[in-house]
Amino acid sequence: MAADLDPRVALLLDKMACTELVHRLARGIDRCDADLVNAVFHPDATDDHGMYQGTAADFVPWVMEVLAGMRRTQHVIGNVLVEVDGDKAKGEAYFIAHHHVPGESGDNFMVAAGRYLDRFECRDGTWKISHRHAVYDWSTVGASTDMWDRANMPGFAFGTRGHADPSYPHFAGA
């Protein structure tokens, strides 16, 4: 926190930095961008997703492998609450995660909803996640009803995984 800032402004900046980490992590997961996911965690961070519990460094390749079995995902972040205490903060962020998953008798659409309980730390002036705990509230699954024929819709921009997604050149200024 800069000494010359109004404490209320400094608090808002800290909260915004933590909130942005939550959004960047969701983007990294949906774009299957391991570098972006790694960038939001401190090197000694941990993650607890229930089916995975361990270091964030090991979580990243694990989740990329899980995502490889899905056609696409979209994590929507809802309510975000961040409470800052000096150089540490706790957060709760609601999520609804949409998953397009291949199935034996056709593709499925699975939705999982819950909350991310995050611990953030500001080290050397940079906020990052030190621990993430995924808490699951509900889920549903059904047949996919995606109706877009992506191959035959040349005038439409569709999201893709990785750096070919339209968001990468958008943020790069292209």
Protein backbone atom coordinates (compact mmCIF):
# COMPACT_ATOMS: atom_id res chain seq x y z
CA MET A 1 0.00 0.00 0.00
CA ALA A 2 1.46 3.32 -1.02
CA ALA A 3 1.90 5.71 1.92
CA ASP A 4 0.60 8.69 -0.04
CA LEU A 5 -2.76 7.09 -0.91
CA ASP A 6 -5.96 7.62 1.00
CA PRO A 7 -6.37 4.35 3.00
CA ARG A 8 -9.81 3.82 1.44
CA VAL A 9 -8.33 4.03 -2.06
CA ALA A 10 -5.48 1.70 -1.10
CA LEU A 11 -8.02 -0.81 0.25
CA LEU A 12 -10.01 -0.64 -3.00
CA LEU A 13 -6.84 -1.23 -5.04
CA ASP A 14 -5.94 -4.26 -2.91
CA LYS A 15 -9.46 -5.70 -3.24
CA MET A 16 -9.42 -5.11 -7.00
CA ALA A 17 -6.04 -6.82 -7.36
CA CYS A 18 -7.40 -9.90 -5.57
CA THR A 19 -10.63 -9.88 -7.57
CA GLU A 20 -8.70 -9.67 -10.82
CA LEU A 21 -6.71 -12.76 -9.85
CA VAL A 22 -9.99 -14.70 -9.57
CA HIS A 23 -11.04 -13.53 -13.04
CA ARG A 24 -7.63 -14.22 -14.60
CA LEU A 25 -7.62 -17.73 -13.19
CA ALA A 26 -11.05 -18.44 -14.71
CA ARG A 27 -9.83 -17.09 -18.05
CA GLY A 28 -6.68 -19.19 -17.88
CA ILE A 29 -8.70 -22.34 -17.20
CA ASP A 30 -11.17 -21.69 -20.02
CA ARG A 31 -8.43 -20.88 -22.53
CA CYS A 32 -6.34 -23.86 -21.30
CA ASP A 33 -3.48 -21.41 -20.78
CA ALA A 34 -1.17 -23.03 -18.23
CA ASP A 35 1.11 -19.98 -18.11
CA LEU A 36 -1.81 -17.69 -17.22
CA VAL A 37 -3.01 -20.10 -14.52
CA ASN A 38 0.48 -20.42 -13.05
CA ALA A 39 0.89 -16.63 -13.01
CA VAL A 40 -1.90 -16.06 -10.45
CA PHE A 41 -0.36 -18.32 -7.80
CA HIS A 42 2.59 -17.73 -5.50
CA PRO A 43 5.30 -20.39 -6.08
CA ASP A 44 4.46 -22.15 -2.78
CA ALA A 45 0.66 -21.92 -3.23
CA THR A 46 -1.67 -24.86 -2.65
CA ASP A 47 -4.98 -25.93 -4.17
CA ASP A 48 -7.84 -28.10 -2.93
CA HIS A 49 -10.38 -29.03 -5.61
CA GLY A 50 -11.53 -32.15 -3.75
CA MET A 51 -10.37 -34.58 -6.44
CA TYR A 52 -7.03 -32.75 -6.42
CA GLN A 53 -5.24 -31.60 -3.28
CA GLY A 54 -1.66 -30.39 -3.43
CA THR A 55 0.57 -27.67 -4.75
CA ALA A 56 -0.72 -25.16 -7.28
CA ALA A 57 2.34 -25.96 -9.41
CA ASP A 58 1.14 -29.57 -9.69
CA PHE A 59 -2.52 -28.53 -10.00
CA VAL A 60 -1.85 -26.74 -13.29
CA PRO A 61 -0.73 -29.78 -15.35
CA TRP A 62 -3.38 -31.89 -13.62
CA VAL A 63 -6.21 -29.51 -14.55
CA MET A 64 -4.89 -29.08 -18.11
CA GLU A 65 -5.14 -32.86 -18.54
CA VAL A 66 -8.70 -32.86 -17.16
CA LEU A 67 -9.63 -30.01 -19.53
CA ALA A 68 -8.16 -31.90 -22.49
CA GLY A 69 -11.05 -34.36 -22.12
CA MET A 70 -13.62 -31.58 -22.61
CA ARG A 71 -14.53 -29.73 -25.79
CA ARG A 72 -14.91 -26.36 -24.09
CA THR A 73 -15.56 -24.77 -20.70
CA GLN A 74 -16.76 -21.45 -19.40
CA HIS A 75 -16.40 -20.36 -15.79
CA VAL A 76 -18.67 -17.47 -14.87
CA ILE A 77 -17.63 -15.62 -11.73
CA GLY A 78 -20.45 -14.07 -9.71
CA ASN A 79 -20.40 -12.52 -6.25
CA VAL A 80 -16.86 -11.74 -5.10
CA LEU A 81 -16.16 -10.80 -1.49
CA VAL A 82 -12.61 -9.87 -0.46
CA GLU A 83 -11.57 -8.97 3.07
CA VAL A 84 -8.10 -7.43 3.31
CA ASP A 85 -5.97 -7.53 6.46
CA GLY A 86 -2.63 -5.88 5.74
CA ASP A 87 -0.69 -7.96 3.23
CA LYS A 88 -3.12 -10.89 3.47
CA ALA A 89 -6.69 -11.27 2.28
CA LYS A 90 -9.46 -13.85 2.19
CA GLY A 91 -11.96 -14.13 -0.61
CA GLU A 92 -15.11 -15.96 -1.60
CA ALA A 93 -16.13 -16.00 -5.25
CA TYR A 94 -19.24 -17.72 -6.56
CA PHE A 95 -18.83 -19.65 -9.80
CA ILE A 96 -20.96 -21.42 -12.36
CA ALA A 97 -18.78 -23.65 -14.52
CA HIS A 98 -20.13 -24.90 -17.84
CA HIS A 99 -18.49 -27.98 -19.39
CA HIS A 100 -19.08 -29.45 -22.87
CA VAL A 101 -18.03 -33.07 -22.39
CA PRO A 102 -17.92 -35.91 -24.95
CA GLY A 103 -19.99 -38.91 -23.91
CA GLU A 104 -20.50 -42.46 -25.14
CA SER A 105 -23.93 -41.67 -26.59
CA GLY A 106 -23.30 -38.05 -27.57
CA ASP A 107 -21.96 -34.90 -25.99
CA ASN A 108 -23.07 -33.81 -22.53
CA PHE A 109 -23.46 -30.39 -20.97
CA MET A 110 -22.42 -30.41 -17.32
CA VAL A 111 -22.81 -27.42 -15.02
CA ALA A 112 -21.16 -27.21 -11.62
CA ALA A 113 -21.77 -24.34 -9.24
CA GLY A 114 -20.02 -23.43 -6.06
CA ARG A 115 -17.57 -21.04 -4.50
CA TYR A 116 -13.83 -20.52 -4.48
CA LEU A 117 -12.45 -19.76 -1.04
CA ASP A 118 -9.14 -18.05 -1.74
CA ARG A 119 -6.32 -16.82 0.43
CA PHE A 120 -4.28 -14.02 -1.11
CA GLU A 121 -0.94 -12.59 -0.06
CA CYS A 122 0.86 -9.47 -1.19
CA ARG A 123 4.57 -10.23 -1.46
CA ASP A 124 7.05 -7.68 -2.76
CA GLY A 125 4.12 -5.45 -3.72
CA THR A 126 2.31 -8.11 -5.79
CA TRP A 127 -0.91 -9.86 -4.83
CA LYS A 128 -1.23 -13.55 -5.75
CA ILE A 129 -3.22 -16.54 -4.55
CA SER A 130 -1.57 -18.55 -1.78
CA HIS A 131 -4.37 -21.13 -1.44
CA ARG A 132 -7.57 -21.99 -3.30
CA HIS A 133 -10.32 -24.25 -1.95
CA ALA A 134 -13.19 -25.14 -4.28
CA VAL A 135 -16.51 -25.70 -2.49
CA TYR A 136 -19.25 -27.32 -4.58
CA ASP A 137 -22.91 -26.37 -4.07
CA TRP A 138 -24.79 -28.11 -6.92
CA SER A 139 -24.39 -29.66 -10.36
CA THR A 140 -26.48 -30.89 -13.27
CA VAL A 141 -25.83 -32.76 -16.49
CA GLY A 142 -27.82 -33.33 -19.66
CA ALA A 143 -27.42 -33.82 -23.36
CA SER A 144 -25.64 -31.00 -25.15
CA THR A 145 -27.95 -28.87 -27.26
CA ASP A 146 -25.22 -26.73 -28.86
CA MET A 147 -26.74 -25.85 -32.23
CA TRP A 148 -23.93 -23.93 -33.89
CA ASP A 149 -22.31 -25.48 -36.94
CA ARG A 150 -18.98 -23.74 -36.31
CA ALA A 151 -17.37 -25.04 -39.51
CA ASN A 152 -20.09 -23.49 -41.69
CA MET A 153 -20.51 -20.11 -40.01
CA PRO A 154 -17.60 -18.03 -41.37
CA GLY A 155 -19.01 -14.67 -40.25
CA PHE A 156 -19.04 -15.65 -36.56
CA ALA A 157 -16.17 -15.45 -34.10
CA PHE A 158 -16.09 -18.49 -31.83
CA GLY A 159 -14.00 -18.93 -28.73
CA THR A 160 -11.16 -21.41 -28.86
CA ARG A 161 -8.68 -22.72 -26.39
CA GLY A 162 -5.18 -21.31 -26.36
CA HIS A 163 -3.72 -18.24 -27.98
CA ALA A 164 -5.83 -18.59 -31.15
CA ASP A 165 -8.80 -17.27 -29.15
CA PRO A 166 -9.86 -13.77 -30.30
CA SER A 167 -9.17 -12.36 -26.81
CA TYR A 168 -5.40 -12.73 -27.15
CA PRO A 169 -4.92 -10.35 -30.09
CA HIS A 170 -7.60 -8.10 -28.55
CA PHE A 171 -5.52 -7.61 -25.39
CA ALA A 172 -2.27 -7.48 -27.37
CA GLY A 173 -3.56 -4.43 -29.21
CA ALA A 174 -3.77 -6.09 -32.62
